[in-house]
Amino acid sequence: MTNEKWKLTLRTIVEEVAEMDDIPEDADFNDDLGIDSMLAIEILARIEKKMKISVPESGLIEMHSLNDAYRIVGNILQAAVTSEG
C-alpha cells in the first residue's frame, strides 16, 4: 500500500467515525473535534481491521490528531517492512 493510499484510508476512517468531512491534519481529536475515548477506540479498531495491523495501547494514548495517526501507523508499517526484508 502506498504512502498516499494508507494516509487516505486513515483519513477516511477518522472522518467516517467523527461524521465530519475535511478534518485538518493537526486538529485535536478531543478538543477540536469532540472525539471522546469511545470514538477513539472505534477509530483504532477500524484502523487495525482495515489495515491488518496491531496498534499497541500506547498508540491510542498518543493518537490526538490525523498527524499523530499517520506517524503511529507509519512507524508500524515501516517496522513490518523492515522485519520482512
N, C-alpha and C. Protein backbone atom coordinates (compact mmCIF):
# COMPACT_ATOMS: atom_id res chain seq x y z
N MET A 1 0.85 -1.17 0.00
CA MET A 1 0.00 0.00 0.00
C MET A 1 0.90 1.24 0.00
N THR A 2 0.63 2.15 -0.90
CA THR A 2 1.45 3.35 -1.00
C THR A 2 1.20 4.28 0.19
N ASN A 3 2.15 5.17 0.41
CA ASN A 3 2.06 6.14 1.49
C ASN A 3 0.78 6.96 1.39
N GLU A 4 0.47 7.44 0.20
CA GLU A 4 -0.73 8.26 0.00
C GLU A 4 -2.00 7.45 0.23
N LYS A 5 -1.98 6.19 -0.17
CA LYS A 5 -3.18 5.36 -0.04
C LYS A 5 -3.50 5.06 1.42
N TRP A 6 -2.50 4.68 2.22
CA TRP A 6 -2.83 4.38 3.61
C TRP A 6 -3.18 5.63 4.39
N LYS A 7 -2.60 6.79 4.01
CA LYS A 7 -2.99 8.04 4.67
C LYS A 7 -4.44 8.39 4.34
N LEU A 8 -4.84 8.17 3.10
CA LEU A 8 -6.24 8.41 2.72
C LEU A 8 -7.16 7.45 3.46
N THR A 9 -6.72 6.20 3.63
CA THR A 9 -7.51 5.23 4.38
C THR A 9 -7.71 5.70 5.82
N LEU A 10 -6.65 6.17 6.46
CA LEU A 10 -6.76 6.68 7.83
C LEU A 10 -7.70 7.87 7.90
N ARG A 11 -7.52 8.81 6.98
CA ARG A 11 -8.38 9.99 6.95
C ARG A 11 -9.85 9.59 6.81
N THR A 12 -10.13 8.67 5.91
CA THR A 12 -11.50 8.22 5.67
C THR A 12 -12.09 7.60 6.93
N ILE A 13 -11.32 6.77 7.61
CA ILE A 13 -11.80 6.13 8.84
C ILE A 13 -12.15 7.19 9.88
N VAL A 14 -11.25 8.13 10.11
CA VAL A 14 -11.49 9.17 11.12
C VAL A 14 -12.71 10.01 10.73
N GLU A 15 -12.82 10.40 9.47
CA GLU A 15 -13.95 11.22 9.03
C GLU A 15 -15.27 10.46 9.15
N GLU A 16 -15.27 9.16 8.86
CA GLU A 16 -16.49 8.37 9.00
C GLU A 16 -16.92 8.25 10.46
N VAL A 17 -15.98 7.94 11.33
CA VAL A 17 -16.31 7.78 12.74
C VAL A 17 -16.74 9.12 13.35
N ALA A 18 -16.04 10.19 13.00
CA ALA A 18 -16.36 11.52 13.54
C ALA A 18 -17.57 12.14 12.87
N GLU A 19 -17.99 11.54 11.75
CA GLU A 19 -19.10 12.07 10.95
C GLU A 19 -18.83 13.52 10.53
N MET A 20 -17.59 13.75 10.03
CA MET A 20 -17.16 15.06 9.56
C MET A 20 -16.38 14.89 8.27
N ASP A 21 -16.32 15.95 7.49
CA ASP A 21 -15.53 15.96 6.25
C ASP A 21 -14.38 16.95 6.40
N ASP A 22 -13.33 16.72 5.64
CA ASP A 22 -12.20 17.65 5.54
C ASP A 22 -11.61 18.03 6.91
N ILE A 23 -11.31 17.03 7.70
CA ILE A 23 -10.71 17.26 9.02
C ILE A 23 -9.26 17.72 8.82
N PRO A 24 -8.89 18.86 9.42
CA PRO A 24 -7.49 19.31 9.33
C PRO A 24 -6.57 18.28 9.98
N GLU A 25 -5.40 18.08 9.39
CA GLU A 25 -4.48 17.06 9.89
C GLU A 25 -3.97 17.34 11.29
N ASP A 26 -3.98 18.60 11.70
CA ASP A 26 -3.48 18.94 13.03
C ASP A 26 -4.59 19.19 14.06
N ALA A 27 -5.85 18.99 13.67
CA ALA A 27 -6.97 19.19 14.59
C ALA A 27 -6.93 18.14 15.69
N ASP A 28 -7.03 18.58 16.94
CA ASP A 28 -7.04 17.66 18.07
C ASP A 28 -8.36 16.90 18.09
N PHE A 29 -8.26 15.58 18.14
CA PHE A 29 -9.46 14.74 18.10
C PHE A 29 -10.45 15.13 19.20
N ASN A 30 -9.98 15.32 20.41
CA ASN A 30 -10.88 15.61 21.52
C ASN A 30 -11.25 17.08 21.57
N ASP A 31 -10.26 17.95 21.65
CA ASP A 31 -10.52 19.37 21.86
C ASP A 31 -11.21 20.04 20.67
N ASP A 32 -10.76 19.72 19.46
CA ASP A 32 -11.29 20.39 18.26
C ASP A 32 -12.47 19.66 17.63
N LEU A 33 -12.47 18.33 17.74
CA LEU A 33 -13.48 17.55 17.02
C LEU A 33 -14.49 16.85 17.92
N GLY A 34 -14.25 16.87 19.22
CA GLY A 34 -15.18 16.25 20.16
C GLY A 34 -15.17 14.73 20.12
N ILE A 35 -14.07 14.14 19.66
CA ILE A 35 -13.96 12.68 19.62
C ILE A 35 -13.58 12.21 21.02
N ASP A 36 -14.52 11.49 21.67
CA ASP A 36 -14.25 11.00 23.02
C ASP A 36 -13.52 9.67 22.97
N SER A 37 -13.26 9.10 24.14
CA SER A 37 -12.48 7.86 24.21
C SER A 37 -13.16 6.70 23.51
N MET A 38 -14.46 6.63 23.55
CA MET A 38 -15.17 5.54 22.87
C MET A 38 -15.01 5.65 21.35
N LEU A 39 -15.11 6.85 20.82
CA LEU A 39 -14.91 7.03 19.38
C LEU A 39 -13.46 6.78 19.00
N ALA A 40 -12.53 7.15 19.88
CA ALA A 40 -11.11 6.89 19.61
C ALA A 40 -10.85 5.39 19.53
N ILE A 41 -11.49 4.62 20.40
CA ILE A 41 -11.35 3.17 20.36
C ILE A 41 -11.94 2.62 19.06
N GLU A 42 -13.06 3.17 18.62
CA GLU A 42 -13.68 2.76 17.36
C GLU A 42 -12.74 3.06 16.18
N ILE A 43 -12.12 4.23 16.19
CA ILE A 43 -11.16 4.59 15.14
C ILE A 43 -10.02 3.58 15.12
N LEU A 44 -9.47 3.30 16.29
CA LEU A 44 -8.35 2.36 16.38
C LEU A 44 -8.75 0.97 15.89
N ALA A 45 -9.92 0.51 16.28
CA ALA A 45 -10.39 -0.82 15.85
C ALA A 45 -10.54 -0.88 14.34
N ARG A 46 -11.08 0.17 13.76
CA ARG A 46 -11.24 0.19 12.30
C ARG A 46 -9.89 0.23 11.58
N ILE A 47 -8.95 1.00 12.13
CA ILE A 47 -7.61 1.05 11.54
C ILE A 47 -6.99 -0.34 11.56
N GLU A 48 -7.06 -1.00 12.69
CA GLU A 48 -6.47 -2.33 12.81
C GLU A 48 -7.12 -3.33 11.85
N LYS A 49 -8.43 -3.28 11.75
CA LYS A 49 -9.14 -4.21 10.87
C LYS A 49 -8.86 -3.93 9.40
N LYS A 50 -8.97 -2.68 9.01
CA LYS A 50 -8.81 -2.30 7.60
C LYS A 50 -7.37 -2.50 7.12
N MET A 51 -6.42 -2.16 7.99
CA MET A 51 -5.01 -2.19 7.57
C MET A 51 -4.30 -3.47 7.99
N LYS A 52 -5.02 -4.32 8.70
CA LYS A 52 -4.46 -5.61 9.15
C LYS A 52 -3.17 -5.42 9.93
N ILE A 53 -3.24 -4.51 10.92
CA ILE A 53 -2.10 -4.25 11.80
C ILE A 53 -2.59 -4.29 13.24
N SER A 54 -1.66 -4.32 14.15
CA SER A 54 -1.97 -4.23 15.58
C SER A 54 -1.30 -2.98 16.13
N VAL A 55 -2.12 -2.10 16.69
CA VAL A 55 -1.61 -0.86 17.26
C VAL A 55 -1.51 -1.06 18.77
N PRO A 56 -0.34 -0.85 19.36
CA PRO A 56 -0.21 -1.02 20.80
C PRO A 56 -1.07 -0.02 21.57
N GLU A 57 -1.36 -0.33 22.81
CA GLU A 57 -2.18 0.55 23.65
C GLU A 57 -1.62 1.96 23.70
N SER A 58 -0.30 2.08 23.68
CA SER A 58 0.32 3.40 23.71
C SER A 58 -0.08 4.23 22.49
N GLY A 59 -0.37 3.56 21.38
CA GLY A 59 -0.80 4.26 20.17
C GLY A 59 -2.11 5.00 20.38
N LEU A 60 -3.03 4.38 21.12
CA LEU A 60 -4.30 5.02 21.42
C LEU A 60 -4.08 6.26 22.27
N ILE A 61 -3.19 6.14 23.24
CA ILE A 61 -2.91 7.27 24.13
C ILE A 61 -2.26 8.43 23.38
N GLU A 62 -1.41 8.11 22.40
CA GLU A 62 -0.66 9.13 21.67
C GLU A 62 -1.41 9.71 20.47
N MET A 63 -2.51 9.10 20.06
CA MET A 63 -3.20 9.49 18.83
C MET A 63 -4.21 10.60 19.11
N HIS A 64 -3.76 11.85 18.91
CA HIS A 64 -4.61 13.01 19.18
C HIS A 64 -5.04 13.75 17.92
N SER A 65 -4.46 13.38 16.77
CA SER A 65 -4.77 14.07 15.51
C SER A 65 -4.47 13.14 14.35
N LEU A 66 -4.85 13.55 13.16
CA LEU A 66 -4.51 12.76 11.97
C LEU A 66 -3.00 12.66 11.82
N ASN A 67 -2.28 13.74 12.10
CA ASN A 67 -0.82 13.69 12.00
C ASN A 67 -0.25 12.63 12.95
N ASP A 68 -0.81 12.55 14.16
CA ASP A 68 -0.37 11.51 15.09
C ASP A 68 -0.68 10.12 14.54
N ALA A 69 -1.88 9.96 13.98
CA ALA A 69 -2.27 8.67 13.40
C ALA A 69 -1.33 8.29 12.27
N TYR A 70 -0.99 9.26 11.41
CA TYR A 70 -0.05 8.99 10.32
C TYR A 70 1.30 8.50 10.87
N ARG A 71 1.79 9.19 11.88
CA ARG A 71 3.09 8.85 12.46
C ARG A 71 3.06 7.45 13.09
N ILE A 72 2.04 7.17 13.88
CA ILE A 72 1.96 5.89 14.59
C ILE A 72 1.81 4.74 13.60
N VAL A 73 0.88 4.86 12.68
CA VAL A 73 0.66 3.80 11.69
C VAL A 73 1.87 3.68 10.77
N GLY A 74 2.44 4.80 10.38
CA GLY A 74 3.63 4.77 9.53
C GLY A 74 4.77 4.01 10.18
N ASN A 75 4.96 4.23 11.48
CA ASN A 75 6.01 3.51 12.21
C ASN A 75 5.74 2.02 12.24
N ILE A 76 4.48 1.64 12.42
CA ILE A 76 4.11 0.21 12.44
C ILE A 76 4.34 -0.41 11.08
N LEU A 77 3.92 0.28 10.02
CA LEU A 77 4.10 -0.24 8.67
C LEU A 77 5.59 -0.34 8.32
N GLN A 78 6.37 0.66 8.71
CA GLN A 78 7.80 0.64 8.45
C GLN A 78 8.48 -0.52 9.18
N ALA A 79 8.07 -0.76 10.42
CA ALA A 79 8.63 -1.87 11.19
C ALA A 79 8.31 -3.20 10.53
N ALA A 80 7.11 -3.32 9.96
CA ALA A 80 6.72 -4.56 9.28
C ALA A 80 7.58 -4.78 8.04
N VAL A 81 7.83 -3.72 7.28
CA VAL A 81 8.66 -3.83 6.09
C VAL A 81 10.09 -4.19 6.47
N THR A 82 10.59 -3.56 7.51
CA THR A 82 11.96 -3.81 7.98
C THR A 82 12.13 -5.25 8.43
N SER A 83 11.13 -5.78 9.14
CA SER A 83 11.24 -7.15 9.65
C SER A 83 11.10 -8.19 8.53
N GLU A 84 10.42 -7.82 7.45
CA GLU A 84 10.27 -8.74 6.31
C GLU A 84 11.55 -8.80 5.48
N GLY A 85 12.24 -7.67 5.38
CA GLY A 85 13.38 -7.58 4.48
C GLY A 85 14.65 -7.90 5.16
